Amino acid sequence: MSKVFQDRFDPEKFKGNPRVLIGHVDSEIIRATIKEAPEEIVERLYFIGSAYKLHFCSIIDIFGDIKLNETQCTNFILELDFVDSFVNDPLLKLVIEDMRTMAKECVALKGKVKFIISGN
């Protein structure tokens, strides 16, 4: 790979960028579950989802909220697994893993919470 684009995979480049929150929500966001991801990295997942016509990945909104119930999370996990199977982006892989973990926990909690991706 050309070194010209190497900065796209440097976590330092995204340290000061706006964040998207990933976690669980009931009547409000459950702070103990929150993980943060750089907006630009989450946006990569959105564009891949749009390109491959993946329902849940393509409705990610870095400026708003997306809430998924346990059934939707099951399908979202399948989409994340699909993207993870071919993407070679270490920063995106970290975000996918965080989202997959949170979505699996949502499924395991059987409707007690929803999974949320909350943008700015």
PDB file of N, CA and C in Angstrom:
ATOM      1  N   MET A   1       0.851  -1.180   0.000  1.00  0.00           N
ATOM      2  CA  MET A   1       0.000   0.000   0.000  1.00  0.00           C
ATOM      3  C   MET A   1       0.894   1.240   0.000  1.00  0.00           C
ATOM      4  N   SER A   2       0.466   2.229  -0.713  1.00  0.00           N
ATOM      5  CA  SER A   2       1.188   3.486  -0.766  1.00  0.00           C
ATOM      6  C   SER A   2       1.151   4.167   0.599  1.00  0.00           C
ATOM      7  N   LYS A   3       2.263   4.762   0.960  1.00  0.00           N
ATOM      8  CA  LYS A   3       2.322   5.480   2.237  1.00  0.00           C
ATOM      9  C   LYS A   3       1.504   6.765   2.210  1.00  0.00           C
ATOM     10  N   VAL A   4       1.112   7.183   1.014  1.00  0.00           N
ATOM     11  CA  VAL A   4       0.309   8.395   0.871  1.00  0.00           C
ATOM     12  C   VAL A   4      -0.992   8.289   1.669  1.00  0.00           C
ATOM     13  N   PHE A   5      -1.580   7.100   1.703  1.00  0.00           N
ATOM     14  CA  PHE A   5      -2.875   6.907   2.360  1.00  0.00           C
ATOM     15  C   PHE A   5      -2.769   6.223   3.720  1.00  0.00           C
ATOM     16  N   GLN A   6      -1.584   5.986   4.177  1.00  0.00           N
ATOM     17  CA  GLN A   6      -1.368   5.273   5.433  1.00  0.00           C
ATOM     18  C   GLN A   6      -2.045   5.962   6.621  1.00  0.00           C
ATOM     19  N   ASP A   7      -2.175   7.283   6.567  1.00  0.00           N
ATOM     20  CA  ASP A   7      -2.784   8.000   7.695  1.00  0.00           C
ATOM     21  C   ASP A   7      -4.251   7.624   7.898  1.00  0.00           C
ATOM     22  N   ARG A   8      -4.887   7.013   6.905  1.00  0.00           N
ATOM     23  CA  ARG A   8      -6.291   6.595   7.036  1.00  0.00           C
ATOM     24  C   ARG A   8      -6.453   5.503   8.094  1.00  0.00           C
ATOM     25  N   PHE A   9      -5.331   4.864   8.445  1.00  0.00           N
ATOM     26  CA  PHE A   9      -5.360   3.774   9.421  1.00  0.00           C
ATOM     27  C   PHE A   9      -4.651   4.140  10.720  1.00  0.00           C
ATOM     28  N   ASP A  10      -4.331   5.406  10.887  1.00  0.00           N
ATOM     29  CA  ASP A  10      -3.627   5.877  12.080  1.00  0.00           C
ATOM     30  C   ASP A  10      -4.642   6.395  13.097  1.00  0.00           C
ATOM     31  N   PRO A  11      -4.778   5.704  14.224  1.00  0.00           N
ATOM     32  CA  PRO A  11      -5.771   6.134  15.229  1.00  0.00           C
ATOM     33  C   PRO A  11      -5.531   7.554  15.740  1.00  0.00           C
ATOM     34  N   GLU A  12      -4.283   8.009  15.709  1.00  0.00           N
ATOM     35  CA  GLU A  12      -3.968   9.366  16.177  1.00  0.00           C
ATOM     36  C   GLU A  12      -4.675  10.432  15.340  1.00  0.00           C
ATOM     37  N   LYS A  13      -4.870  10.139  14.065  1.00  0.00           N
ATOM     38  CA  LYS A  13      -5.527  11.096  13.167  1.00  0.00           C
ATOM     39  C   LYS A  13      -6.954  11.400  13.614  1.00  0.00           C
ATOM     40  N   PHE A  14      -7.577  10.466  14.313  1.00  0.00           N
ATOM     41  CA  PHE A  14      -8.992  10.594  14.663  1.00  0.00           C
ATOM     42  C   PHE A  14      -9.227  10.954  16.126  1.00  0.00           C
ATOM     43  N   LYS A  15      -8.163  11.217  16.874  1.00  0.00           N
ATOM     44  CA  LYS A  15      -8.294  11.484  18.323  1.00  0.00           C
ATOM     45  C   LYS A  15      -9.208  12.666  18.637  1.00  0.00           C
ATOM     46  N   GLY A  16      -9.101  13.753  17.902  1.00  0.00           N
ATOM     47  CA  GLY A  16      -9.892  14.939  18.206  1.00  0.00           C
ATOM     48  C   GLY A  16     -11.207  15.026  17.448  1.00  0.00           C
ATOM     49  N   ASN A  17     -11.511  14.016  16.675  1.00  0.00           N
ATOM     50  CA  ASN A  17     -12.716  14.041  15.844  1.00  0.00           C
ATOM     51  C   ASN A  17     -13.982  13.828  16.671  1.00  0.00           C
ATOM     52  N   PRO A  18     -15.114  14.298  16.150  1.00  0.00           N
ATOM     53  CA  PRO A  18     -16.387  14.031  16.828  1.00  0.00           C
ATOM     54  C   PRO A  18     -16.599  12.528  16.993  1.00  0.00           C
ATOM     55  N   ARG A  19     -17.319  12.164  18.037  1.00  0.00           N
ATOM     56  CA  ARG A  19     -17.539  10.765  18.368  1.00  0.00           C
ATOM     57  C   ARG A  19     -18.987  10.362  18.177  1.00  0.00           C
ATOM     58  N   VAL A  20     -19.146   9.095  17.861  1.00  0.00           N
ATOM     59  CA  VAL A  20     -20.447   8.448  17.811  1.00  0.00           C
ATOM     60  C   VAL A  20     -20.491   7.519  19.019  1.00  0.00           C
ATOM     61  N   LEU A  21     -21.610   7.512  19.723  1.00  0.00           N
ATOM     62  CA  LEU A  21     -21.766   6.633  20.881  1.00  0.00           C
ATOM     63  C   LEU A  21     -22.413   5.330  20.445  1.00  0.00           C
ATOM     64  N   ILE A  22     -21.917   4.240  21.001  1.00  0.00           N
ATOM     65  CA  ILE A  22     -22.442   2.904  20.725  1.00  0.00           C
ATOM     66  C   ILE A  22     -22.761   2.299  22.085  1.00  0.00           C
ATOM     67  N   GLY A  23     -23.968   1.797  22.262  1.00  0.00           N
ATOM     68  CA  GLY A  23     -24.305   1.213  23.554  1.00  0.00           C
ATOM     69  C   GLY A  23     -25.727   0.712  23.620  1.00  0.00           C
ATOM     70  N   HIS A  24     -26.255   0.722  24.827  1.00  0.00           N
ATOM     71  CA  HIS A  24     -27.623   0.264  25.080  1.00  0.00           C
ATOM     72  C   HIS A  24     -28.460   1.425  25.594  1.00  0.00           C
ATOM     73  N   VAL A  25     -29.750   1.302  25.360  1.00  0.00           N
ATOM     74  CA  VAL A  25     -30.680   2.322  25.797  1.00  0.00           C
ATOM     75  C   VAL A  25     -31.944   1.640  26.299  1.00  0.00           C
ATOM     76  N   ASP A  26     -32.491   2.182  27.383  1.00  0.00           N
ATOM     77  CA  ASP A  26     -33.848   1.796  27.790  1.00  0.00           C
ATOM     78  C   ASP A  26     -34.668   3.076  27.668  1.00  0.00           C
ATOM     79  N   SER A  27     -34.987   3.737  28.748  1.00  0.00           N
ATOM     80  CA  SER A  27     -35.662   5.026  28.620  1.00  0.00           C
ATOM     81  C   SER A  27     -34.659   6.136  28.277  1.00  0.00           C
ATOM     82  N   GLU A  28     -33.381   5.881  28.551  1.00  0.00           N
ATOM     83  CA  GLU A  28     -32.291   6.775  28.156  1.00  0.00           C
ATOM     84  C   GLU A  28     -31.034   5.934  27.970  1.00  0.00           C
ATOM     85  N   ILE A  29     -29.983   6.540  27.450  1.00  0.00           N
ATOM     86  CA  ILE A  29     -28.738   5.806  27.203  1.00  0.00           C
ATOM     87  C   ILE A  29     -28.175   5.296  28.524  1.00  0.00           C
ATOM     88  N   ILE A  30     -27.806   4.048  28.553  1.00  0.00           N
ATOM     89  CA  ILE A  30     -27.217   3.438  29.744  1.00  0.00           C
ATOM     90  C   ILE A  30     -25.715   3.716  29.694  1.00  0.00           C
ATOM     91  N   ARG A  31     -25.294   4.703  30.446  1.00  0.00           N
ATOM     92  CA  ARG A  31     -23.913   5.215  30.390  1.00  0.00           C
ATOM     93  C   ARG A  31     -22.850   4.135  30.591  1.00  0.00           C
ATOM     94  N   ALA A  32     -23.118   3.161  31.419  1.00  0.00           N
ATOM     95  CA  ALA A  32     -22.125   2.119  31.701  1.00  0.00           C
ATOM     96  C   ALA A  32     -21.819   1.254  30.475  1.00  0.00           C
ATOM     97  N   THR A  33     -22.683   1.281  29.477  1.00  0.00           N
ATOM     98  CA  THR A  33     -22.477   0.439  28.295  1.00  0.00           C
ATOM     99  C   THR A  33     -21.797   1.186  27.145  1.00  0.00           C
ATOM    100  N   ILE A  34     -21.639   2.470  27.265  1.00  0.00           N
ATOM    101  CA  ILE A  34     -21.216   3.305  26.143  1.00  0.00           C
ATOM    102  C   ILE A  34     -19.760   3.082  25.744  1.00  0.00           C
ATOM    103  N   LYS A  35     -19.591   2.947  24.430  1.00  0.00           N
ATOM    104  CA  LYS A  35     -18.276   2.984  23.806  1.00  0.00           C
ATOM    105  C   LYS A  35     -18.344   4.096  22.780  1.00  0.00           C
ATOM    106  N   GLU A  36     -17.205   4.672  22.473  1.00  0.00           N
ATOM    107  CA  GLU A  36     -17.166   5.749  21.495  1.00  0.00           C
ATOM    108  C   GLU A  36     -16.358   5.326  20.281  1.00  0.00           C
ATOM    109  N   ALA A  37     -16.735   5.858  19.128  1.00  0.00           N
ATOM    110  CA  ALA A  37     -16.020   5.589  17.886  1.00  0.00           C
ATOM    111  C   ALA A  37     -15.929   6.881  17.089  1.00  0.00           C
ATOM    112  N   PRO A  38     -14.824   7.081  16.384  1.00  0.00           N
ATOM    113  CA  PRO A  38     -14.717   8.286  15.559  1.00  0.00           C
ATOM    114  C   PRO A  38     -15.799   8.300  14.470  1.00  0.00           C
ATOM    115  N   GLU A  39     -16.396   9.453  14.315  1.00  0.00           N
ATOM    116  CA  GLU A  39     -17.459   9.635  13.331  1.00  0.00           C
ATOM    117  C   GLU A  39     -17.042   9.149  11.939  1.00  0.00           C
ATOM    118  N   GLU A  40     -15.831   9.505  11.519  1.00  0.00           N
ATOM    119  CA  GLU A  40     -15.363   9.141  10.179  1.00  0.00           C
ATOM    120  C   GLU A  40     -15.253   7.630   9.984  1.00  0.00           C
ATOM    121  N   ILE A  41     -14.935   6.901  11.034  1.00  0.00           N
ATOM    122  CA  ILE A  41     -14.812   5.445  10.924  1.00  0.00           C
ATOM    123  C   ILE A  41     -16.204   4.815  10.833  1.00  0.00           C
ATOM    124  N   VAL A  42     -17.137   5.290  11.643  1.00  0.00           N
ATOM    125  CA  VAL A  42     -18.518   4.796  11.576  1.00  0.00           C
ATOM    126  C   VAL A  42     -19.113   5.120  10.207  1.00  0.00           C
ATOM    127  N   GLU A  43     -18.752   6.264   9.681  1.00  0.00           N
ATOM    128  CA  GLU A  43     -19.232   6.649   8.357  1.00  0.00           C
ATOM    129  C   GLU A  43     -18.760   5.665   7.283  1.00  0.00           C
ATOM    130  N   ARG A  44     -17.577   5.102   7.452  1.00  0.00           N
ATOM    131  CA  ARG A  44     -17.084   4.084   6.514  1.00  0.00           C
ATOM    132  C   ARG A  44     -18.036   2.899   6.471  1.00  0.00           C
ATOM    133  N   LEU A  45     -18.521   2.476   7.646  1.00  0.00           N
ATOM    134  CA  LEU A  45     -19.469   1.359   7.707  1.00  0.00           C
ATOM    135  C   LEU A  45     -20.767   1.717   6.987  1.00  0.00           C
ATOM    136  N   TYR A  46     -21.217   2.952   7.165  1.00  0.00           N
ATOM    137  CA  TYR A  46     -22.417   3.413   6.470  1.00  0.00           C
ATOM    138  C   TYR A  46     -22.252   3.313   4.954  1.00  0.00           C
ATOM    139  N   PHE A  47     -21.131   3.790   4.436  1.00  0.00           N
ATOM    140  CA  PHE A  47     -20.926   3.782   2.987  1.00  0.00           C
ATOM    141  C   PHE A  47     -20.792   2.367   2.444  1.00  0.00           C
ATOM    142  N   ILE A  48     -20.140   1.493   3.177  1.00  0.00           N
ATOM    143  CA  ILE A  48     -20.066   0.087   2.758  1.00  0.00           C
ATOM    144  C   ILE A  48     -21.468  -0.514   2.764  1.00  0.00           C
ATOM    145  N   GLY A  49     -22.234  -0.232   3.812  1.00  0.00           N
ATOM    146  CA  GLY A  49     -23.612  -0.722   3.883  1.00  0.00           C
ATOM    147  C   GLY A  49     -24.451  -0.249   2.727  1.00  0.00           C
ATOM    148  N   SER A  50     -24.284   1.011   2.349  1.00  0.00           N
ATOM    149  CA  SER A  50     -25.023   1.546   1.201  1.00  0.00           C
ATOM    150  C   SER A  50     -24.587   0.873  -0.092  1.00  0.00           C
ATOM    151  N   ALA A  51     -23.284   0.700  -0.265  1.00  0.00           N
ATOM    152  CA  ALA A  51     -22.760   0.096  -1.492  1.00  0.00           C
ATOM    153  C   ALA A  51     -23.237  -1.342  -1.673  1.00  0.00           C
ATOM    154  N   TYR A  52     -23.340  -2.088  -0.574  1.00  0.00           N
ATOM    155  CA  TYR A  52     -23.742  -3.495  -0.637  1.00  0.00           C
ATOM    156  C   TYR A  52     -25.220  -3.699  -0.319  1.00  0.00           C
ATOM    157  N   LYS A  53     -25.948  -2.604  -0.180  1.00  0.00           N
ATOM    158  CA  LYS A  53     -27.385  -2.660   0.093  1.00  0.00           C
ATOM    159  C   LYS A  53     -27.700  -3.470   1.353  1.00  0.00           C
ATOM    160  N   LEU A  54     -26.956  -3.179   2.414  1.00  0.00           N
ATOM    161  CA  LEU A  54     -27.182  -3.796   3.719  1.00  0.00           C
ATOM    162  C   LEU A  54     -28.146  -2.895   4.490  1.00  0.00           C
ATOM    163  N   HIS A  55     -29.256  -3.449   4.915  1.00  0.00           N
ATOM    164  CA  HIS A  55     -30.328  -2.632   5.485  1.00  0.00           C
ATOM    165  C   HIS A  55     -29.873  -1.798   6.679  1.00  0.00           C
ATOM    166  N   PHE A  56     -29.355  -2.420   7.711  1.00  0.00           N
ATOM    167  CA  PHE A  56     -29.060  -1.696   8.946  1.00  0.00           C
ATOM    168  C   PHE A  56     -27.786  -0.857   8.848  1.00  0.00           C
ATOM    169  N   CYS A  57     -26.761  -1.380   8.198  1.00  0.00           N
ATOM    170  CA  CYS A  57     -25.532  -0.585   8.025  1.00  0.00           C
ATOM    171  C   CYS A  57     -25.806   0.670   7.203  1.00  0.00           C
ATOM    172  N   SER A  58     -26.727   0.575   6.261  1.00  0.00           N
ATOM    173  CA  SER A  58     -26.996   1.724   5.389  1.00  0.00           C
ATOM    174  C   SER A  58     -27.915   2.771   6.020  1.00  0.00           C
ATOM    175  N   ILE A  59     -28.454   2.488   7.190  1.00  0.00           N
ATOM    176  CA  ILE A  59     -29.290   3.503   7.849  1.00  0.00           C
ATOM    177  C   ILE A  59     -28.583   4.129   9.052  1.00  0.00           C
ATOM    178  N   ILE A  60     -27.313   3.784   9.248  1.00  0.00           N
ATOM    179  CA  ILE A  60     -26.533   4.435  10.304  1.00  0.00           C
ATOM    180  C   ILE A  60     -26.507   5.927  10.017  1.00  0.00           C
ATOM    181  N   ASP A  61     -26.737   6.714  11.046  1.00  0.00           N
ATOM    182  CA  ASP A  61     -26.796   8.170  10.901  1.00  0.00           C
ATOM    183  C   ASP A  61     -25.815   8.783  11.891  1.00  0.00           C
ATOM    184  N   ILE A  62     -24.698   9.326  11.384  1.00  0.00           N
ATOM    185  CA  ILE A  62     -23.693   9.890  12.292  1.00  0.00           C
ATOM    186  C   ILE A  62     -24.144  11.219  12.897  1.00  0.00           C
ATOM    187  N   PHE A  63     -25.294  11.718  12.464  1.00  0.00           N
ATOM    188  CA  PHE A  63     -25.816  12.964  13.015  1.00  0.00           C
ATOM    189  C   PHE A  63     -27.083  12.754  13.842  1.00  0.00           C
ATOM    190  N   GLY A  64     -27.548  11.524  13.926  1.00  0.00           N
ATOM    191  CA  GLY A  64     -28.769  11.219  14.668  1.00  0.00           C
ATOM    192  C   GLY A  64     -28.632   9.889  15.377  1.00  0.00           C
ATOM    193  N   ASP A  65     -29.751   9.303  15.722  1.00  0.00           N
ATOM    194  CA  ASP A  65     -29.751   8.042  16.458  1.00  0.00           C
ATOM    195  C   ASP A  65     -30.392   6.938  15.630  1.00  0.00           C
ATOM    196  N   ILE A  66     -29.872   5.745  15.802  1.00  0.00           N
ATOM    197  CA  ILE A  66     -30.511   4.538  15.284  1.00  0.00           C
ATOM    198  C   ILE A  66     -30.631   3.599  16.473  1.00  0.00           C
ATOM    199  N   LYS A  67     -31.830   3.107  16.702  1.00  0.00           N
ATOM    200  CA  LYS A  67     -32.087   2.172  17.799  1.00  0.00           C
ATOM    201  C   LYS A  67     -32.589   0.865  17.203  1.00  0.00           C
ATOM    202  N   LEU A  68     -31.995  -0.241  17.649  1.00  0.00           N
ATOM    203  CA  LEU A  68     -32.373  -1.554  17.147  1.00  0.00           C
ATOM    204  C   LEU A  68     -32.842  -2.436  18.287  1.00  0.00           C
ATOM    205  N   ASN A  69     -33.931  -3.175  18.056  1.00  0.00           N
ATOM    206  CA  ASN A  69     -34.396  -4.138  19.057  1.00  0.00           C
ATOM    207  C   ASN A  69     -33.642  -5.453  18.873  1.00  0.00           C
ATOM    208  N   GLU A  70     -33.962  -6.435  19.684  1.00  0.00           N
ATOM    209  CA  GLU A  70     -33.195  -7.685  19.645  1.00  0.00           C
ATOM    210  C   GLU A  70     -33.300  -8.407  18.305  1.00  0.00           C
ATOM    211  N   THR A  71     -34.446  -8.400  17.680  1.00  0.00           N
ATOM    212  CA  THR A  71     -34.607  -9.053  16.376  1.00  0.00           C
ATOM    213  C   THR A  71     -33.791  -8.325  15.316  1.00  0.00           C
ATOM    214  N   GLN A  72     -33.849  -7.013  15.322  1.00  0.00           N
ATOM    215  CA  GLN A  72     -33.066  -6.229  14.375  1.00  0.00           C
ATOM    216  C   GLN A  72     -31.568  -6.417  14.615  1.00  0.00           C
ATOM    217  N   CYS A  73     -31.182  -6.522  15.877  1.00  0.00           N
ATOM    218  CA  CYS A  73     -29.767  -6.743  16.202  1.00  0.00           C
ATOM    219  C   CYS A  73     -29.259  -8.055  15.614  1.00  0.00           C
ATOM    220  N   THR A  74     -30.089  -9.081  15.621  1.00  0.00           N
ATOM    221  CA  THR A  74     -29.698 -10.368  15.042  1.00  0.00           C
ATOM    222  C   THR A  74     -29.320 -10.184  13.575  1.00  0.00           C
ATOM    223  N   ASN A  75     -30.109  -9.436  12.832  1.00  0.00           N
ATOM    224  CA  ASN A  75     -29.817  -9.182  11.425  1.00  0.00           C
ATOM    225  C   ASN A  75     -28.637  -8.228  11.248  1.00  0.00           C
ATOM    226  N   PHE A  76     -28.514  -7.266  12.134  1.00  0.00           N
ATOM    227  CA  PHE A  76     -27.388  -6.333  12.090  1.00  0.00           C
ATOM    228  C   PHE A  76     -26.073  -7.087  12.303  1.00  0.00           C
ATOM    229  N   ILE A  77     -26.072  -8.034  13.204  1.00  0.00           N
ATOM    230  CA  ILE A  77     -24.875  -8.857  13.445  1.00  0.00           C
ATOM    231  C   ILE A  77     -24.465  -9.596  12.176  1.00  0.00           C
ATOM    232  N   LEU A  78     -25.433 -10.112  11.443  1.00  0.00           N
ATOM    233  CA  LEU A  78     -25.123 -10.785  10.167  1.00  0.00           C
ATOM    234  C   LEU A  78     -24.466  -9.815   9.188  1.00  0.00           C
ATOM    235  N   GLU A  79     -24.961  -8.596   9.140  1.00  0.00           N
ATOM    236  CA  GLU A  79     -24.364  -7.586   8.261  1.00  0.00           C
ATOM    237  C   GLU A  79     -22.943  -7.259   8.704  1.00  0.00           C
ATOM    238  N   LEU A  80     -22.747  -7.100  10.013  1.00  0.00           N
ATOM    239  CA  LEU A  80     -21.406  -6.808  10.527  1.00  0.00           C
ATOM    240  C   LEU A  80     -20.441  -7.947  10.217  1.00  0.00           C
ATOM    241  N   ASP A  81     -20.900  -9.186  10.365  1.00  0.00           N
ATOM    242  CA  ASP A  81     -20.060 -10.347  10.034  1.00  0.00           C
ATOM    243  C   ASP A  81     -19.673 -10.331   8.557  1.00  0.00           C
ATOM    244  N   PHE A  82     -20.623  -9.988   7.700  1.00  0.00           N
ATOM    245  CA  PHE A  82     -20.362  -9.918   6.261  1.00  0.00           C
ATOM    246  C   PHE A  82     -19.288  -8.877   5.959  1.00  0.00           C
ATOM    247  N   VAL A  83     -19.439  -7.677   6.474  1.00  0.00           N
ATOM    248  CA  VAL A  83     -18.462  -6.609   6.227  1.00  0.00           C
ATOM    249  C   VAL A  83     -17.107  -6.998   6.809  1.00  0.00           C
ATOM    250  N   ASP A  84     -17.118  -7.543   7.998  1.00  0.00           N
ATOM    251  CA  ASP A  84     -15.875  -7.942   8.651  1.00  0.00           C
ATOM    252  C   ASP A  84     -15.125  -9.015   7.862  1.00  0.00           C
ATOM    253  N   SER A  85     -15.858  -9.803   7.085  1.00  0.00           N
ATOM    254  CA  SER A  85     -15.232 -10.896   6.340  1.00  0.00           C
ATOM    255  C   SER A  85     -14.356 -10.416   5.180  1.00  0.00           C
ATOM    256  N   PHE A  86     -14.568  -9.201   4.713  1.00  0.00           N
ATOM    257  CA  PHE A  86     -13.771  -8.753   3.567  1.00  0.00           C
ATOM    258  C   PHE A  86     -13.023  -7.442   3.783  1.00  0.00           C
ATOM    259  N   VAL A  87     -13.388  -6.680   4.791  1.00  0.00           N
ATOM    260  CA  VAL A  87     -12.738  -5.386   4.978  1.00  0.00           C
ATOM    261  C   VAL A  87     -11.346  -5.584   5.599  1.00  0.00           C
ATOM    262  N   ASN A  88     -10.394  -4.793   5.146  1.00  0.00           N
ATOM    263  CA  ASN A  88      -9.024  -4.878   5.650  1.00  0.00           C
ATOM    264  C   ASN A  88      -8.637  -3.524   6.242  1.00  0.00           C
ATOM    265  N   ASP A  89      -9.445  -3.046   7.145  1.00  0.00           N
ATOM    266  CA  ASP A  89      -9.277  -1.746   7.762  1.00  0.00           C
ATOM    267  C   ASP A  89      -9.266  -1.961   9.276  1.00  0.00           C
ATOM    268  N   PRO A  90      -8.093  -1.867   9.905  1.00  0.00           N
ATOM    269  CA  PRO A  90      -8.021  -2.176  11.341  1.00  0.00           C
ATOM    270  C   PRO A  90      -8.887  -1.276  12.217  1.00  0.00           C
ATOM    271  N   LEU A  91      -9.057  -0.019  11.844  1.00  0.00           N
ATOM    272  CA  LEU A  91      -9.891   0.878  12.647  1.00  0.00           C
ATOM    273  C   LEU A  91     -11.366   0.530  12.511  1.00  0.00           C
ATOM    274  N   LEU A  92     -11.789   0.210  11.303  1.00  0.00           N
ATOM    275  CA  LEU A  92     -13.172  -0.195  11.096  1.00  0.00           C
ATOM    276  C   LEU A  92     -13.444  -1.539  11.769  1.00  0.00           C
ATOM    277  N   LYS A  93     -12.484  -2.441  11.734  1.00  0.00           N
ATOM    278  CA  LYS A  93     -12.657  -3.740  12.394  1.00  0.00           C
ATOM    279  C   LYS A  93     -12.888  -3.568  13.896  1.00  0.00           C
ATOM    280  N   LEU A  94     -12.202  -2.611  14.511  1.00  0.00           N
ATOM    281  CA  LEU A  94     -12.410  -2.351  15.944  1.00  0.00           C
ATOM    282  C   LEU A  94     -13.835  -1.855  16.213  1.00  0.00           C
ATOM    283  N   VAL A  95     -14.322  -0.962  15.368  1.00  0.00           N
ATOM    284  CA  VAL A  95     -15.684  -0.446  15.517  1.00  0.00           C
ATOM    285  C   VAL A  95     -16.703  -1.562  15.294  1.00  0.00           C
ATOM    286  N   ILE A  96     -16.466  -2.379  14.272  1.00  0.00           N
ATOM    287  CA  ILE A  96     -17.368  -3.511  14.007  1.00  0.00           C
ATOM    288  C   ILE A  96     -17.416  -4.435  15.215  1.00  0.00           C
ATOM    289  N   GLU A  97     -16.270  -4.703  15.819  1.00  0.00           N
ATOM    290  CA  GLU A  97     -16.245  -5.598  16.981  1.00  0.00           C
ATOM    291  C   GLU A  97     -17.023  -5.002  18.158  1.00  0.00           C
ATOM    292  N   ASP A  98     -16.861  -3.706  18.407  1.00  0.00           N
ATOM    293  CA  ASP A  98     -17.622  -3.056  19.481  1.00  0.00           C
ATOM    294  C   ASP A  98     -19.124  -3.126  19.204  1.00  0.00           C
ATOM    295  N   MET A  99     -19.507  -2.853  17.969  1.00  0.00           N
ATOM    296  CA  MET A  99     -20.931  -2.899  17.616  1.00  0.00           C
ATOM    297  C   MET A  99     -21.478  -4.314  17.728  1.00  0.00           C
ATOM    298  N   ARG A 100     -20.712  -5.277  17.255  1.00  0.00           N
ATOM    299  CA  ARG A 100     -21.164  -6.669  17.315  1.00  0.00           C
ATOM    300  C   ARG A 100     -21.339  -7.107  18.774  1.00  0.00           C
ATOM    301  N   THR A 101     -20.399  -6.750  19.636  1.00  0.00           N
ATOM    302  CA  THR A 101     -20.485  -7.103  21.058  1.00  0.00           C
ATOM    303  C   THR A 101     -21.738  -6.503  21.688  1.00  0.00           C
ATOM    304  N   MET A 102     -21.973  -5.212  21.430  1.00  0.00           N
ATOM    305  CA  MET A 102     -23.154  -4.544  21.996  1.00  0.00           C
ATOM    306  C   MET A 102     -24.449  -5.138  21.441  1.00  0.00           C
ATOM    307  N   ALA A 103     -24.461  -5.440  20.147  1.00  0.00           N
ATOM    308  CA  ALA A 103     -25.670  -6.017  19.536  1.00  0.00           C
ATOM    309  C   ALA A 103     -25.939  -7.409  20.102  1.00  0.00           C
ATOM    310  N   LYS A 104     -24.890  -8.204  20.305  1.00  0.00           N
ATOM    311  CA  LYS A 104     -25.066  -9.543  20.894  1.00  0.00           C
ATOM    312  C   LYS A 104     -25.600  -9.440  22.317  1.00  0.00           C
ATOM    313  N   GLU A 105     -25.104  -8.470  23.074  1.00  0.00           N
ATOM    314  CA  GLU A 105     -25.609  -8.275  24.438  1.00  0.00           C
ATOM    315  C   GLU A 105     -27.078  -7.870  24.414  1.00  0.00           C
ATOM    316  N   CYS A 106     -27.451  -7.053  23.465  1.00  0.00           N
ATOM    317  CA  CYS A 106     -28.861  -6.658  23.316  1.00  0.00           C
ATOM    318  C   CYS A 106     -29.731  -7.884  23.063  1.00  0.00           C
ATOM    319  N   VAL A 107     -29.279  -8.767  22.190  1.00  0.00           N
ATOM    320  CA  VAL A 107     -30.023 -10.000  21.899  1.00  0.00           C
ATOM    321  C   VAL A 107     -30.128 -10.843  23.164  1.00  0.00           C
ATOM    322  N   ALA A 108     -29.033 -10.976  23.889  1.00  0.00           N
ATOM    323  CA  ALA A 108     -29.006 -11.797  25.104  1.00  0.00           C
ATOM    324  C   ALA A 108     -29.929 -11.245  26.198  1.00  0.00           C
ATOM    325  N   LEU A 109     -30.122  -9.933  26.207  1.00  0.00           N
ATOM    326  CA  LEU A 109     -30.974  -9.310  27.226  1.00  0.00           C
ATOM    327  C   LEU A 109     -32.466  -9.387  26.884  1.00  0.00           C
ATOM    328  N   LYS A 110     -32.800 -10.001  25.769  1.00  0.00           N
ATOM    329  CA  LYS A 110     -34.174 -10.347  25.385  1.00  0.00           C
ATOM    330  C   LYS A 110     -35.199  -9.224  25.568  1.00  0.00           C
ATOM    331  N   GLY A 111     -34.925  -8.093  24.924  1.00  0.00           N
ATOM    332  CA  GLY A 111     -35.904  -7.019  24.908  1.00  0.00           C
ATOM    333  C   GLY A 111     -35.844  -6.040  26.060  1.00  0.00           C
ATOM    334  N   LYS A 112     -34.931  -6.240  27.012  1.00  0.00           N
ATOM    335  CA  LYS A 112     -34.850  -5.321  28.143  1.00  0.00           C
ATOM    336  C   LYS A 112     -34.214  -3.986  27.753  1.00  0.00           C
ATOM    337  N   VAL A 113     -33.392  -4.008  26.704  1.00  0.00           N
ATOM    338  CA  VAL A 113     -32.745  -2.795  26.203  1.00  0.00           C
ATOM    339  C   VAL A 113     -32.763  -2.818  24.680  1.00  0.00           C
ATOM    340  N   LYS A 114     -32.444  -1.679  24.107  1.00  0.00           N
ATOM    341  CA  LYS A 114     -32.219  -1.586  22.661  1.00  0.00           C
ATOM    342  C   LYS A 114     -30.764  -1.206  22.455  1.00  0.00           C
ATOM    343  N   PHE A 115     -30.261  -1.548  21.297  1.00  0.00           N
ATOM    344  CA  PHE A 115     -28.917  -1.169  20.886  1.00  0.00           C
ATOM    345  C   PHE A 115     -29.027   0.204  20.241  1.00  0.00           C
ATOM    346  N   ILE A 116     -28.077   1.086  20.527  1.00  0.00           N
ATOM    347  CA  ILE A 116     -28.136   2.426  19.955  1.00  0.00           C
ATOM    348  C   ILE A 116     -26.788   2.820  19.358  1.00  0.00           C
ATOM    349  N   ILE A 117     -26.877   3.484  18.215  1.00  0.00           N
ATOM    350  CA  ILE A 117     -25.743   4.200  17.644  1.00  0.00           C
ATOM    351  C   ILE A 117     -26.197   5.648  17.636  1.00  0.00           C
ATOM    352  N   SER A 118     -25.526   6.482  18.403  1.00  0.00           N
ATOM    353  CA  SER A 118     -25.965   7.858  18.597  1.00  0.00           C
ATOM    354  C   SER A 118     -24.924   8.830  18.060  1.00  0.00           C
ATOM    355  N   GLY A 119     -25.294   9.545  17.006  1.00  0.00           N
ATOM    356  CA  GLY A 119     -24.396  10.530  16.415  1.00  0.00           C
ATOM    357  C   GLY A 119     -24.587  11.893  17.030  1.00  0.00           C
ATOM    358  N   ASN A 120     -23.877  12.839  16.474  1.00  0.00           N
ATOM    359  CA  ASN A 120     -23.923  14.223  16.990  1.00  0.00           C
ATOM    360  C   ASN A 120     -24.997  15.036  16.339  1.00  0.00           C
TER     361      ASN A 120
END
